[in-house]
Amino acid sequence: MADKIKLLVAFLLVVAGIAGFYYLGDSAAVLKLASVLTGLLLAAGVAWTSEPGKQFFAFGQDSVAEAKRVVWPTRKETLQTTGVVLLFAVTMALFLWLVDAGLMMAVNMLMGRGE
C-alpha cells in the first residue's frame, strides 16, 4: 500500500510541475522549464523509494549495460547497408512504376482508349 501512495505522490508531483508551467504562462521560459523539471525530478526521487521504482531504475541500469555490450557496425558496414537499402528502394519503385504503367495500358486497351 505504501508503494501505491508513493507512486501517487510521484504522479501528483509531475502534475504539479506541469500545472506550474501553465501557471507561469507569462513568466520567462526558463522558469516554466524549471517548474516542469523540478516536478519531474521530485517525482523521480519519490518513485525511486518505492519497490516498483527501484525495479524500474535497476532495469534501466541493466539496459545501459546491455547497450554497452552491443557490437555496433563500423562506418563502412553502415554505409554499405544504407546503399543496399537505397538501391532496393529505387529498384522497387521502378518495378512498381512499370507494373502500374502496364496495368494502365491494359485497362485503356480494354476500355477502347488504346493509343
PDB file of N, CA and C in Angstrom:
ATOM      1  N   MET A   1       0.828  -1.199   0.000  1.00  0.00           N
ATOM      2  CA  MET A   1       0.000   0.000   0.000  1.00  0.00           C
ATOM      3  C   MET A   1       0.865   1.253   0.000  1.00  0.00           C
ATOM      4  N   ALA A   2       1.996   1.193   0.733  1.00  0.00           N
ATOM      5  CA  ALA A   2       2.876   2.358   0.803  1.00  0.00           C
ATOM      6  C   ALA A   2       3.452   2.685  -0.572  1.00  0.00           C
ATOM      7  N   ASP A   3       3.753   1.638  -1.351  1.00  0.00           N
ATOM      8  CA  ASP A   3       4.292   1.873  -2.689  1.00  0.00           C
ATOM      9  C   ASP A   3       3.284   2.575  -3.581  1.00  0.00           C
ATOM     10  N   LYS A   4       2.018   2.201  -3.446  1.00  0.00           N
ATOM     11  CA  LYS A   4       0.987   2.843  -4.259  1.00  0.00           C
ATOM     12  C   LYS A   4       0.854   4.318  -3.896  1.00  0.00           C
ATOM     13  N   ILE A   5       0.962   4.620  -2.617  1.00  0.00           N
ATOM     14  CA  ILE A   5       0.874   6.009  -2.174  1.00  0.00           C
ATOM     15  C   ILE A   5       2.074   6.799  -2.700  1.00  0.00           C
ATOM     16  N   LYS A   6       3.260   6.195  -2.662  1.00  0.00           N
ATOM     17  CA  LYS A   6       4.452   6.867  -3.177  1.00  0.00           C
ATOM     18  C   LYS A   6       4.311   7.142  -4.680  1.00  0.00           C
ATOM     19  N   LEU A   7       3.801   6.174  -5.411  1.00  0.00           N
ATOM     20  CA  LEU A   7       3.624   6.365  -6.847  1.00  0.00           C
ATOM     21  C   LEU A   7       2.569   7.425  -7.135  1.00  0.00           C
ATOM     22  N   LEU A   8       1.522   7.479  -6.311  1.00  0.00           N
ATOM     23  CA  LEU A   8       0.507   8.515  -6.464  1.00  0.00           C
ATOM     24  C   LEU A   8       1.108   9.894  -6.191  1.00  0.00           C
ATOM     25  N   VAL A   9       1.936   9.994  -5.146  1.00  0.00           N
ATOM     26  CA  VAL A   9       2.595  11.266  -4.841  1.00  0.00           C
ATOM     27  C   VAL A   9       3.520  11.666  -5.999  1.00  0.00           C
ATOM     28  N   ALA A  10       4.226  10.699  -6.570  1.00  0.00           N
ATOM     29  CA  ALA A  10       5.105  10.987  -7.708  1.00  0.00           C
ATOM     30  C   ALA A  10       4.289  11.506  -8.889  1.00  0.00           C
ATOM     31  N   PHE A  11       3.178  10.872  -9.152  1.00  0.00           N
ATOM     32  CA  PHE A  11       2.307  11.322 -10.238  1.00  0.00           C
ATOM     33  C   PHE A  11       1.801  12.740  -9.981  1.00  0.00           C
ATOM     34  N   LEU A  12       1.418  13.010  -8.739  1.00  0.00           N
ATOM     35  CA  LEU A  12       0.921  14.344  -8.400  1.00  0.00           C
ATOM     36  C   LEU A  12       2.028  15.400  -8.520  1.00  0.00           C
ATOM     37  N   LEU A  13       3.272  15.019  -8.241  1.00  0.00           N
ATOM     38  CA  LEU A  13       4.378  15.955  -8.415  1.00  0.00           C
ATOM     39  C   LEU A  13       4.597  16.288  -9.894  1.00  0.00           C
ATOM     40  N   VAL A  14       4.437  15.297 -10.750  1.00  0.00           N
ATOM     41  CA  VAL A  14       4.535  15.560 -12.194  1.00  0.00           C
ATOM     42  C   VAL A  14       3.415  16.504 -12.616  1.00  0.00           C
ATOM     43  N   VAL A  15       2.213  16.228 -12.152  1.00  0.00           N
ATOM     44  CA  VAL A  15       1.071  17.094 -12.475  1.00  0.00           C
ATOM     45  C   VAL A  15       1.308  18.508 -11.946  1.00  0.00           C
ATOM     46  N   ALA A  16       1.882  18.614 -10.737  1.00  0.00           N
ATOM     47  CA  ALA A  16       2.160  19.930 -10.166  1.00  0.00           C
ATOM     48  C   ALA A  16       3.194  20.678 -11.014  1.00  0.00           C
ATOM     49  N   GLY A  17       4.194  19.969 -11.518  1.00  0.00           N
ATOM     50  CA  GLY A  17       5.195  20.605 -12.380  1.00  0.00           C
ATOM     51  C   GLY A  17       4.574  21.131 -13.661  1.00  0.00           C
ATOM     52  N   ILE A  18       3.684  20.328 -14.241  1.00  0.00           N
ATOM     53  CA  ILE A  18       3.007  20.758 -15.471  1.00  0.00           C
ATOM     54  C   ILE A  18       2.046  21.906 -15.181  1.00  0.00           C
ATOM     55  N   ALA A  19       1.356  21.829 -14.055  1.00  0.00           N
ATOM     56  CA  ALA A  19       0.452  22.917 -13.677  1.00  0.00           C
ATOM     57  C   ALA A  19       1.247  24.200 -13.446  1.00  0.00           C
ATOM     58  N   GLY A  20       2.440  24.078 -12.853  1.00  0.00           N
ATOM     59  CA  GLY A  20       3.298  25.248 -12.660  1.00  0.00           C
ATOM     60  C   GLY A  20       3.713  25.867 -13.987  1.00  0.00           C
ATOM     61  N   PHE A  21       3.926  25.020 -14.996  1.00  0.00           N
ATOM     62  CA  PHE A  21       4.264  25.518 -16.335  1.00  0.00           C
ATOM     63  C   PHE A  21       3.159  26.432 -16.848  1.00  0.00           C
ATOM     64  N   TYR A  22       1.921  26.002 -16.699  1.00  0.00           N
ATOM     65  CA  TYR A  22       0.807  26.822 -17.196  1.00  0.00           C
ATOM     66  C   TYR A  22       0.503  28.000 -16.268  1.00  0.00           C
ATOM     67  N   TYR A  23       0.743  27.829 -14.981  1.00  0.00           N
ATOM     68  CA  TYR A  23       0.521  28.924 -14.040  1.00  0.00           C
ATOM     69  C   TYR A  23       1.498  30.062 -14.312  1.00  0.00           C
ATOM     70  N   LEU A  24       2.714  29.704 -14.717  1.00  0.00           N
ATOM     71  CA  LEU A  24       3.735  30.705 -15.011  1.00  0.00           C
ATOM     72  C   LEU A  24       3.720  31.077 -16.490  1.00  0.00           C
ATOM     73  N   GLY A  25       2.556  31.092 -17.075  1.00  0.00           N
ATOM     74  CA  GLY A  25       2.417  31.335 -18.508  1.00  0.00           C
ATOM     75  C   GLY A  25       3.040  32.628 -18.988  1.00  0.00           C
ATOM     76  N   ASP A  26       3.012  33.684 -18.187  1.00  0.00           N
ATOM     77  CA  ASP A  26       3.564  34.973 -18.605  1.00  0.00           C
ATOM     78  C   ASP A  26       5.014  35.146 -18.164  1.00  0.00           C
ATOM     79  N   SER A  27       5.558  34.191 -17.459  1.00  0.00           N
ATOM     80  CA  SER A  27       6.935  34.285 -16.966  1.00  0.00           C
ATOM     81  C   SER A  27       7.923  33.857 -18.041  1.00  0.00           C
ATOM     82  N   ALA A  28       9.188  33.971 -17.694  1.00  0.00           N
ATOM     83  CA  ALA A  28      10.250  33.582 -18.624  1.00  0.00           C
ATOM     84  C   ALA A  28      10.192  32.077 -18.877  1.00  0.00           C
ATOM     85  N   ALA A  29      10.640  31.690 -20.063  1.00  0.00           N
ATOM     86  CA  ALA A  29      10.624  30.276 -20.440  1.00  0.00           C
ATOM     87  C   ALA A  29      11.497  29.445 -19.507  1.00  0.00           C
ATOM     88  N   VAL A  30      12.544  30.040 -18.961  1.00  0.00           N
ATOM     89  CA  VAL A  30      13.435  29.319 -18.061  1.00  0.00           C
ATOM     90  C   VAL A  30      12.686  28.920 -16.790  1.00  0.00           C
ATOM     91  N   LEU A  31      11.859  29.807 -16.281  1.00  0.00           N
ATOM     92  CA  LEU A  31      11.087  29.485 -15.077  1.00  0.00           C
ATOM     93  C   LEU A  31      10.067  28.387 -15.348  1.00  0.00           C
ATOM     94  N   LYS A  32       9.440  28.452 -16.512  1.00  0.00           N
ATOM     95  CA  LYS A  32       8.454  27.413 -16.856  1.00  0.00           C
ATOM     96  C   LYS A  32       9.143  26.065 -17.001  1.00  0.00           C
ATOM     97  N   LEU A  33      10.298  26.051 -17.642  1.00  0.00           N
ATOM     98  CA  LEU A  33      11.051  24.815 -17.789  1.00  0.00           C
ATOM     99  C   LEU A  33      11.516  24.294 -16.439  1.00  0.00           C
ATOM    100  N   ALA A  34      11.970  25.200 -15.576  1.00  0.00           N
ATOM    101  CA  ALA A  34      12.410  24.813 -14.236  1.00  0.00           C
ATOM    102  C   ALA A  34      11.265  24.192 -13.449  1.00  0.00           C
ATOM    103  N   SER A  35      10.059  24.700 -13.634  1.00  0.00           N
ATOM    104  CA  SER A  35       8.897  24.148 -12.947  1.00  0.00           C
ATOM    105  C   SER A  35       8.654  22.698 -13.348  1.00  0.00           C
ATOM    106  N   VAL A  36       8.698  22.445 -14.639  1.00  0.00           N
ATOM    107  CA  VAL A  36       8.461  21.078 -15.127  1.00  0.00           C
ATOM    108  C   VAL A  36       9.586  20.157 -14.680  1.00  0.00           C
ATOM    109  N   LEU A  37      10.839  20.604 -14.826  1.00  0.00           N
ATOM    110  CA  LEU A  37      11.968  19.761 -14.439  1.00  0.00           C
ATOM    111  C   LEU A  37      11.978  19.473 -12.942  1.00  0.00           C
ATOM    112  N   THR A  38      11.622  20.460 -12.139  1.00  0.00           N
ATOM    113  CA  THR A  38      11.555  20.249 -10.692  1.00  0.00           C
ATOM    114  C   THR A  38      10.505  19.200 -10.357  1.00  0.00           C
ATOM    115  N   GLY A  39       9.341  19.307 -10.979  1.00  0.00           N
ATOM    116  CA  GLY A  39       8.297  18.314 -10.743  1.00  0.00           C
ATOM    117  C   GLY A  39       8.747  16.920 -11.154  1.00  0.00           C
ATOM    118  N   LEU A  40       9.417  16.817 -12.303  1.00  0.00           N
ATOM    119  CA  LEU A  40       9.887  15.507 -12.771  1.00  0.00           C
ATOM    120  C   LEU A  40      10.969  14.942 -11.864  1.00  0.00           C
ATOM    121  N   LEU A  41      11.911  15.780 -11.443  1.00  0.00           N
ATOM    122  CA  LEU A  41      12.991  15.301 -10.577  1.00  0.00           C
ATOM    123  C   LEU A  41      12.469  14.877  -9.204  1.00  0.00           C
ATOM    124  N   LEU A  42      11.572  15.667  -8.640  1.00  0.00           N
ATOM    125  CA  LEU A  42      10.991  15.282  -7.350  1.00  0.00           C
ATOM    126  C   LEU A  42      10.184  13.991  -7.478  1.00  0.00           C
ATOM    127  N   ALA A  43       9.447  13.866  -8.582  1.00  0.00           N
ATOM    128  CA  ALA A  43       8.666  12.640  -8.804  1.00  0.00           C
ATOM    129  C   ALA A  43       9.588  11.442  -8.951  1.00  0.00           C
ATOM    130  N   ALA A  44      10.698  11.617  -9.679  1.00  0.00           N
ATOM    131  CA  ALA A  44      11.647  10.508  -9.836  1.00  0.00           C
ATOM    132  C   ALA A  44      12.245  10.125  -8.487  1.00  0.00           C
ATOM    133  N   GLY A  45      12.539  11.127  -7.661  1.00  0.00           N
ATOM    134  CA  GLY A  45      13.075  10.836  -6.331  1.00  0.00           C
ATOM    135  C   GLY A  45      12.101  10.071  -5.467  1.00  0.00           C
ATOM    136  N   VAL A  46      10.837  10.461  -5.513  1.00  0.00           N
ATOM    137  CA  VAL A  46       9.820   9.756  -4.710  1.00  0.00           C
ATOM    138  C   VAL A  46       9.583   8.359  -5.277  1.00  0.00           C
ATOM    139  N   ALA A  47       9.517   8.247  -6.603  1.00  0.00           N
ATOM    140  CA  ALA A  47       9.269   6.938  -7.221  1.00  0.00           C
ATOM    141  C   ALA A  47      10.420   5.980  -6.947  1.00  0.00           C
ATOM    142  N   TRP A  48      11.627   6.516  -6.839  1.00  0.00           N
ATOM    143  CA  TRP A  48      12.797   5.678  -6.626  1.00  0.00           C
ATOM    144  C   TRP A  48      12.744   4.977  -5.272  1.00  0.00           C
ATOM    145  N   THR A  49      12.033   5.561  -4.325  1.00  0.00           N
ATOM    146  CA  THR A  49      11.949   4.964  -2.994  1.00  0.00           C
ATOM    147  C   THR A  49      10.931   3.821  -2.931  1.00  0.00           C
ATOM    148  N   SER A  50      10.111   3.658  -3.959  1.00  0.00           N
ATOM    149  CA  SER A  50       9.139   2.564  -3.969  1.00  0.00           C
ATOM    150  C   SER A  50       9.764   1.330  -4.607  1.00  0.00           C
ATOM    151  N   GLU A  51       9.210   0.175  -4.328  1.00  0.00           N
ATOM    152  CA  GLU A  51       9.735  -1.076  -4.885  1.00  0.00           C
ATOM    153  C   GLU A  51       9.623  -1.122  -6.412  1.00  0.00           C
ATOM    154  N   PRO A  52       8.461  -0.756  -6.993  1.00  0.00           N
ATOM    155  CA  PRO A  52       8.411  -0.725  -8.464  1.00  0.00           C
ATOM    156  C   PRO A  52       9.398   0.277  -9.057  1.00  0.00           C
ATOM    157  N   GLY A  53       9.619   1.399  -8.369  1.00  0.00           N
ATOM    158  CA  GLY A  53      10.582   2.389  -8.836  1.00  0.00           C
ATOM    159  C   GLY A  53      11.998   1.841  -8.817  1.00  0.00           C
ATOM    160  N   LYS A  54      12.348   1.115  -7.748  1.00  0.00           N
ATOM    161  CA  LYS A  54      13.677   0.507  -7.671  1.00  0.00           C
ATOM    162  C   LYS A  54      13.863  -0.517  -8.785  1.00  0.00           C
ATOM    163  N   GLN A  55      12.812  -1.295  -9.061  1.00  0.00           N
ATOM    164  CA  GLN A  55      12.887  -2.283 -10.139  1.00  0.00           C
ATOM    165  C   GLN A  55      13.046  -1.587 -11.494  1.00  0.00           C
ATOM    166  N   PHE A  56      12.340  -0.487 -11.688  1.00  0.00           N
ATOM    167  CA  PHE A  56      12.424   0.259 -12.947  1.00  0.00           C
ATOM    168  C   PHE A  56      13.825   0.830 -13.150  1.00  0.00           C
ATOM    169  N   PHE A  57      14.398   1.434 -12.119  1.00  0.00           N
ATOM    170  CA  PHE A  57      15.727   2.001 -12.246  1.00  0.00           C
ATOM    171  C   PHE A  57      16.779   0.908 -12.432  1.00  0.00           C
ATOM    172  N   ALA A  58      16.601  -0.253 -11.787  1.00  0.00           N
ATOM    173  CA  ALA A  58      17.518  -1.377 -12.000  1.00  0.00           C
ATOM    174  C   ALA A  58      17.419  -1.871 -13.436  1.00  0.00           C
ATOM    175  N   PHE A  59      16.195  -1.914 -13.975  1.00  0.00           N
ATOM    176  CA  PHE A  59      16.010  -2.298 -15.375  1.00  0.00           C
ATOM    177  C   PHE A  59      16.718  -1.313 -16.298  1.00  0.00           C
ATOM    178  N   GLY A  60      16.629  -0.027 -15.993  1.00  0.00           N
ATOM    179  CA  GLY A  60      17.311   0.987 -16.792  1.00  0.00           C
ATOM    180  C   GLY A  60      18.823   0.808 -16.762  1.00  0.00           C
ATOM    181  N   GLN A  61      19.369   0.509 -15.588  1.00  0.00           N
ATOM    182  CA  GLN A  61      20.819   0.290 -15.481  1.00  0.00           C
ATOM    183  C   GLN A  61      21.227  -0.961 -16.268  1.00  0.00           C
ATOM    184  N   ASP A  62      20.422  -2.015 -16.189  1.00  0.00           N
ATOM    185  CA  ASP A  62      20.714  -3.231 -16.953  1.00  0.00           C
ATOM    186  C   ASP A  62      20.655  -2.959 -18.452  1.00  0.00           C
ATOM    187  N   SER A  63      19.718  -2.122 -18.867  1.00  0.00           N
ATOM    188  CA  SER A  63      19.592  -1.793 -20.290  1.00  0.00           C
ATOM    189  C   SER A  63      20.816  -1.029 -20.784  1.00  0.00           C
ATOM    190  N   VAL A  64      21.308  -0.099 -19.992  1.00  0.00           N
ATOM    191  CA  VAL A  64      22.503   0.648 -20.374  1.00  0.00           C
ATOM    192  C   VAL A  64      23.706  -0.284 -20.457  1.00  0.00           C
ATOM    193  N   ALA A  65      23.829  -1.188 -19.493  1.00  0.00           N
ATOM    194  CA  ALA A  65      24.940  -2.146 -19.512  1.00  0.00           C
ATOM    195  C   ALA A  65      24.848  -3.043 -20.746  1.00  0.00           C
ATOM    196  N   GLU A  66      23.651  -3.458 -21.098  1.00  0.00           N
ATOM    197  CA  GLU A  66      23.464  -4.308 -22.285  1.00  0.00           C
ATOM    198  C   GLU A  66      23.805  -3.542 -23.558  1.00  0.00           C
ATOM    199  N   ALA A  67      23.438  -2.273 -23.621  1.00  0.00           N
ATOM    200  CA  ALA A  67      23.744  -1.464 -24.803  1.00  0.00           C
ATOM    201  C   ALA A  67      25.251  -1.279 -24.967  1.00  0.00           C
ATOM    202  N   LYS A  68      25.982  -1.259 -23.869  1.00  0.00           N
ATOM    203  CA  LYS A  68      27.440  -1.131 -23.947  1.00  0.00           C
ATOM    204  C   LYS A  68      28.085  -2.405 -24.490  1.00  0.00           C
ATOM    205  N   ARG A  69      27.425  -3.549 -24.332  1.00  0.00           N
ATOM    206  CA  ARG A  69      27.975  -4.817 -24.816  1.00  0.00           C
ATOM    207  C   ARG A  69      27.668  -5.078 -26.287  1.00  0.00           C
ATOM    208  N   VAL A  70      26.812  -4.265 -26.879  1.00  0.00           N
ATOM    209  CA  VAL A  70      26.434  -4.465 -28.273  1.00  0.00           C
ATOM    210  C   VAL A  70      27.625  -4.148 -29.173  1.00  0.00           C
ATOM    211  N   VAL A  71      27.834  -4.983 -30.184  1.00  0.00           N
ATOM    212  CA  VAL A  71      28.878  -4.716 -31.166  1.00  0.00           C
ATOM    213  C   VAL A  71      28.232  -3.905 -32.289  1.00  0.00           C
ATOM    214  N   TRP A  72      28.560  -2.620 -32.335  1.00  0.00           N
ATOM    215  CA  TRP A  72      27.951  -1.730 -33.308  1.00  0.00           C
ATOM    216  C   TRP A  72      28.668  -1.872 -34.642  1.00  0.00           C
ATOM    217  N   PRO A  73      27.950  -1.679 -35.747  1.00  0.00           N
ATOM    218  CA  PRO A  73      28.598  -1.805 -37.062  1.00  0.00           C
ATOM    219  C   PRO A  73      29.587  -0.663 -37.302  1.00  0.00           C
ATOM    220  N   THR A  74      30.564  -0.959 -38.142  1.00  0.00           N
ATOM    221  CA  THR A  74      31.544   0.070 -38.487  1.00  0.00           C
ATOM    222  C   THR A  74      30.909   1.058 -39.463  1.00  0.00           C
ATOM    223  N   ARG A  75      31.613   2.150 -39.706  1.00  0.00           N
ATOM    224  CA  ARG A  75      31.109   3.155 -40.651  1.00  0.00           C
ATOM    225  C   ARG A  75      30.949   2.543 -42.035  1.00  0.00           C
ATOM    226  N   LYS A  76      31.913   1.732 -42.440  1.00  0.00           N
ATOM    227  CA  LYS A  76      31.863   1.099 -43.760  1.00  0.00           C
ATOM    228  C   LYS A  76      30.643   0.182 -43.875  1.00  0.00           C
ATOM    229  N   GLU A  77      30.413  -0.634 -42.852  1.00  0.00           N
ATOM    230  CA  GLU A  77      29.247  -1.533 -42.866  1.00  0.00           C
ATOM    231  C   GLU A  77      27.939  -0.753 -42.914  1.00  0.00           C
ATOM    232  N   THR A  78      27.893   0.338 -42.174  1.00  0.00           N
ATOM    233  CA  THR A  78      26.682   1.160 -42.162  1.00  0.00           C
ATOM    234  C   THR A  78      26.417   1.763 -43.532  1.00  0.00           C
ATOM    235  N   LEU A  79      27.466   2.292 -44.164  1.00  0.00           N
ATOM    236  CA  LEU A  79      27.301   2.888 -45.492  1.00  0.00           C
ATOM    237  C   LEU A  79      26.911   1.838 -46.527  1.00  0.00           C
ATOM    238  N   GLN A  80      27.504   0.641 -46.443  1.00  0.00           N
ATOM    239  CA  GLN A  80      27.161  -0.425 -47.389  1.00  0.00           C
ATOM    240  C   GLN A  80      25.708  -0.846 -47.225  1.00  0.00           C
ATOM    241  N   THR A  81      25.276  -1.022 -45.990  1.00  0.00           N
ATOM    242  CA  THR A  81      23.886  -1.425 -45.738  1.00  0.00           C
ATOM    243  C   THR A  81      22.922  -0.342 -46.213  1.00  0.00           C
ATOM    244  N   THR A  82      23.255   0.916 -45.952  1.00  0.00           N
ATOM    245  CA  THR A  82      22.409   2.015 -46.411  1.00  0.00           C
ATOM    246  C   THR A  82      22.326   2.030 -47.929  1.00  0.00           C
ATOM    247  N   GLY A  83      23.454   1.793 -48.588  1.00  0.00           N
ATOM    248  CA  GLY A  83      23.463   1.748 -50.049  1.00  0.00           C
ATOM    249  C   GLY A  83      22.583   0.640 -50.598  1.00  0.00           C
ATOM    250  N   VAL A  84      22.649  -0.532 -49.979  1.00  0.00           N
ATOM    251  CA  VAL A  84      21.814  -1.652 -50.423  1.00  0.00           C
ATOM    252  C   VAL A  84      20.338  -1.317 -50.245  1.00  0.00           C
ATOM    253  N   VAL A  85      19.994  -0.715 -49.125  1.00  0.00           N
ATOM    254  CA  VAL A  85      18.594  -0.359 -48.877  1.00  0.00           C
ATOM    255  C   VAL A  85      18.114   0.671 -49.895  1.00  0.00           C
ATOM    256  N   LEU A  86      18.918   1.688 -50.173  1.00  0.00           N
ATOM    257  CA  LEU A  86      18.523   2.696 -51.162  1.00  0.00           C
ATOM    258  C   LEU A  86      18.401   2.090 -52.557  1.00  0.00           C
ATOM    259  N   LEU A  87      19.336   1.219 -52.924  1.00  0.00           N
ATOM    260  CA  LEU A  87      19.269   0.554 -54.222  1.00  0.00           C
ATOM    261  C   LEU A  87      18.008  -0.292 -54.336  1.00  0.00           C
ATOM    262  N   PHE A  88      17.669  -1.012 -53.279  1.00  0.00           N
ATOM    263  CA  PHE A  88      16.454  -1.824 -53.289  1.00  0.00           C
ATOM    264  C   PHE A  88      15.218  -0.935 -53.404  1.00  0.00           C
ATOM    265  N   ALA A  89      15.207   0.192 -52.697  1.00  0.00           N
ATOM    266  CA  ALA A  89      14.050   1.093 -52.754  1.00  0.00           C
ATOM    267  C   ALA A  89      13.869   1.652 -54.160  1.00  0.00           C
ATOM    268  N   VAL A  90      14.965   2.049 -54.809  1.00  0.00           N
ATOM    269  CA  VAL A  90      14.874   2.571 -56.174  1.00  0.00           C
ATOM    270  C   VAL A  90      14.417   1.474 -57.131  1.00  0.00           C
ATOM    271  N   THR A  91      14.971   0.267 -56.983  1.00  0.00           N
ATOM    272  CA  THR A  91      14.577  -0.860 -57.838  1.00  0.00           C
ATOM    273  C   THR A  91      13.087  -1.170 -57.685  1.00  0.00           C
ATOM    274  N   MET A  92      12.607  -1.205 -56.451  1.00  0.00           N
ATOM    275  CA  MET A  92      11.183  -1.477 -56.224  1.00  0.00           C
ATOM    276  C   MET A  92      10.314  -0.367 -56.788  1.00  0.00           C
ATOM    277  N   ALA A  93      10.760   0.879 -56.665  1.00  0.00           N
ATOM    278  CA  ALA A  93       9.990   1.995 -57.214  1.00  0.00           C
ATOM    279  C   ALA A  93       9.878   1.869 -58.726  1.00  0.00           C
ATOM    280  N   LEU A  94      10.976   1.548 -59.388  1.00  0.00           N
ATOM    281  CA  LEU A  94      10.934   1.366 -60.842  1.00  0.00           C
ATOM    282  C   LEU A  94      10.052   0.187 -61.239  1.00  0.00           C
ATOM    283  N   PHE A  95      10.169  -0.915 -60.508  1.00  0.00           N
ATOM    284  CA  PHE A  95       9.345  -2.088 -60.793  1.00  0.00           C
ATOM    285  C   PHE A  95       7.856  -1.754 -60.649  1.00  0.00           C
ATOM    286  N   LEU A  96       7.503  -1.108 -59.544  1.00  0.00           N
ATOM    287  CA  LEU A  96       6.090  -0.766 -59.333  1.00  0.00           C
ATOM    288  C   LEU A  96       5.604   0.240 -60.365  1.00  0.00           C
ATOM    289  N   TRP A  97       6.468   1.153 -60.798  1.00  0.00           N
ATOM    290  CA  TRP A  97       6.095   2.100 -61.847  1.00  0.00           C
ATOM    291  C   TRP A  97       5.821   1.360 -63.149  1.00  0.00           C
ATOM    292  N   LEU A  98       6.670   0.382 -63.488  1.00  0.00           N
ATOM    293  CA  LEU A  98       6.453  -0.396 -64.709  1.00  0.00           C
ATOM    294  C   LEU A  98       5.162  -1.210 -64.638  1.00  0.00           C
ATOM    295  N   VAL A  99       4.902  -1.835 -63.488  1.00  0.00           N
ATOM    296  CA  VAL A  99       3.662  -2.605 -63.324  1.00  0.00           C
ATOM    297  C   VAL A  99       2.462  -1.680 -63.448  1.00  0.00           C
ATOM    298  N   ASP A 100       2.522  -0.528 -62.816  1.00  0.00           N
ATOM    299  CA  ASP A 100       1.418   0.429 -62.876  1.00  0.00           C
ATOM    300  C   ASP A 100       1.185   0.909 -64.309  1.00  0.00           C
ATOM    301  N   ALA A 101       2.265   1.234 -65.004  1.00  0.00           N
ATOM    302  CA  ALA A 101       2.127   1.694 -66.392  1.00  0.00           C
ATOM    303  C   ALA A 101       1.559   0.589 -67.269  1.00  0.00           C
ATOM    304  N   GLY A 102       2.015  -0.648 -67.060  1.00  0.00           N
ATOM    305  CA  GLY A 102       1.492  -1.773 -67.842  1.00  0.00           C
ATOM    306  C   GLY A 102       0.018  -2.016 -67.583  1.00  0.00           C
ATOM    307  N   LEU A 103      -0.371  -1.977 -66.323  1.00  0.00           N
ATOM    308  CA  LEU A 103      -1.789  -2.169 -66.000  1.00  0.00           C
ATOM    309  C   LEU A 103      -2.638  -1.036 -66.552  1.00  0.00           C
ATOM    310  N   MET A 104      -2.117   0.194 -66.514  1.00  0.00           N
ATOM    311  CA  MET A 104      -2.866   1.326 -67.049  1.00  0.00           C
ATOM    312  C   MET A 104      -3.060   1.170 -68.563  1.00  0.00           C
ATOM    313  N   MET A 105      -2.021   0.712 -69.250  1.00  0.00           N
ATOM    314  CA  MET A 105      -2.148   0.481 -70.689  1.00  0.00           C
ATOM    315  C   MET A 105      -3.157  -0.626 -70.976  1.00  0.00           C
ATOM    316  N   ALA A 106      -3.134  -1.688 -70.169  1.00  0.00           N
ATOM    317  CA  ALA A 106      -4.068  -2.804 -70.369  1.00  0.00           C
ATOM    318  C   ALA A 106      -5.501  -2.345 -70.139  1.00  0.00           C
ATOM    319  N   VAL A 107      -5.733  -1.575 -69.110  1.00  0.00           N
ATOM    320  CA  VAL A 107      -7.086  -1.082 -68.827  1.00  0.00           C
ATOM    321  C   VAL A 107      -7.540  -0.155 -69.947  1.00  0.00           C
ATOM    322  N   ASN A 108      -6.678   0.721 -70.414  1.00  0.00           N
ATOM    323  CA  ASN A 108      -7.020   1.624 -71.511  1.00  0.00           C
ATOM    324  C   ASN A 108      -7.372   0.835 -72.773  1.00  0.00           C
ATOM    325  N   MET A 109      -6.623  -0.221 -73.070  1.00  0.00           N
ATOM    326  CA  MET A 109      -6.903  -1.030 -74.253  1.00  0.00           C
ATOM    327  C   MET A 109      -8.247  -1.760 -74.096  1.00  0.00           C
ATOM    328  N   LEU A 110      -8.522  -2.289 -72.893  1.00  0.00           N
ATOM    329  CA  LEU A 110      -9.776  -2.992 -72.665  1.00  0.00           C
ATOM    330  C   LEU A 110     -10.978  -2.045 -72.747  1.00  0.00           C
ATOM    331  N   MET A 111     -10.753  -0.789 -72.407  1.00  0.00           N
ATOM    332  CA  MET A 111     -11.857   0.172 -72.455  1.00  0.00           C
ATOM    333  C   MET A 111     -11.965   0.858 -73.808  1.00  0.00           C
ATOM    334  N   GLY A 112     -11.106   0.487 -74.739  1.00  0.00           N
ATOM    335  CA  GLY A 112     -11.192   1.041 -76.081  1.00  0.00           C
ATOM    336  C   GLY A 112     -10.545   2.392 -76.220  1.00  0.00           C
ATOM    337  N   ARG A 113      -9.677   2.740 -75.305  1.00  0.00           N
ATOM    338  CA  ARG A 113      -8.994   4.026 -75.380  1.00  0.00           C
ATOM    339  C   ARG A 113      -7.534   3.818 -75.774  1.00  0.00           C
ATOM    340  N   GLY A 114      -7.255   2.758 -76.512  1.00  0.00           N
ATOM    341  CA  GLY A 114      -5.882   2.456 -76.894  1.00  0.00           C
ATOM    342  C   GLY A 114      -5.275   3.584 -77.699  1.00  0.00           C
ATOM    343  N   GLU A 115      -4.024   3.787 -77.494  1.00  0.00           N
ATOM    344  CA  GLU A 115      -3.367   4.903 -78.154  1.00  0.00           C
ATOM    345  C   GLU A 115      -2.415   4.417 -79.215  1.00  0.00           C
TER     346      GLU A 115
END
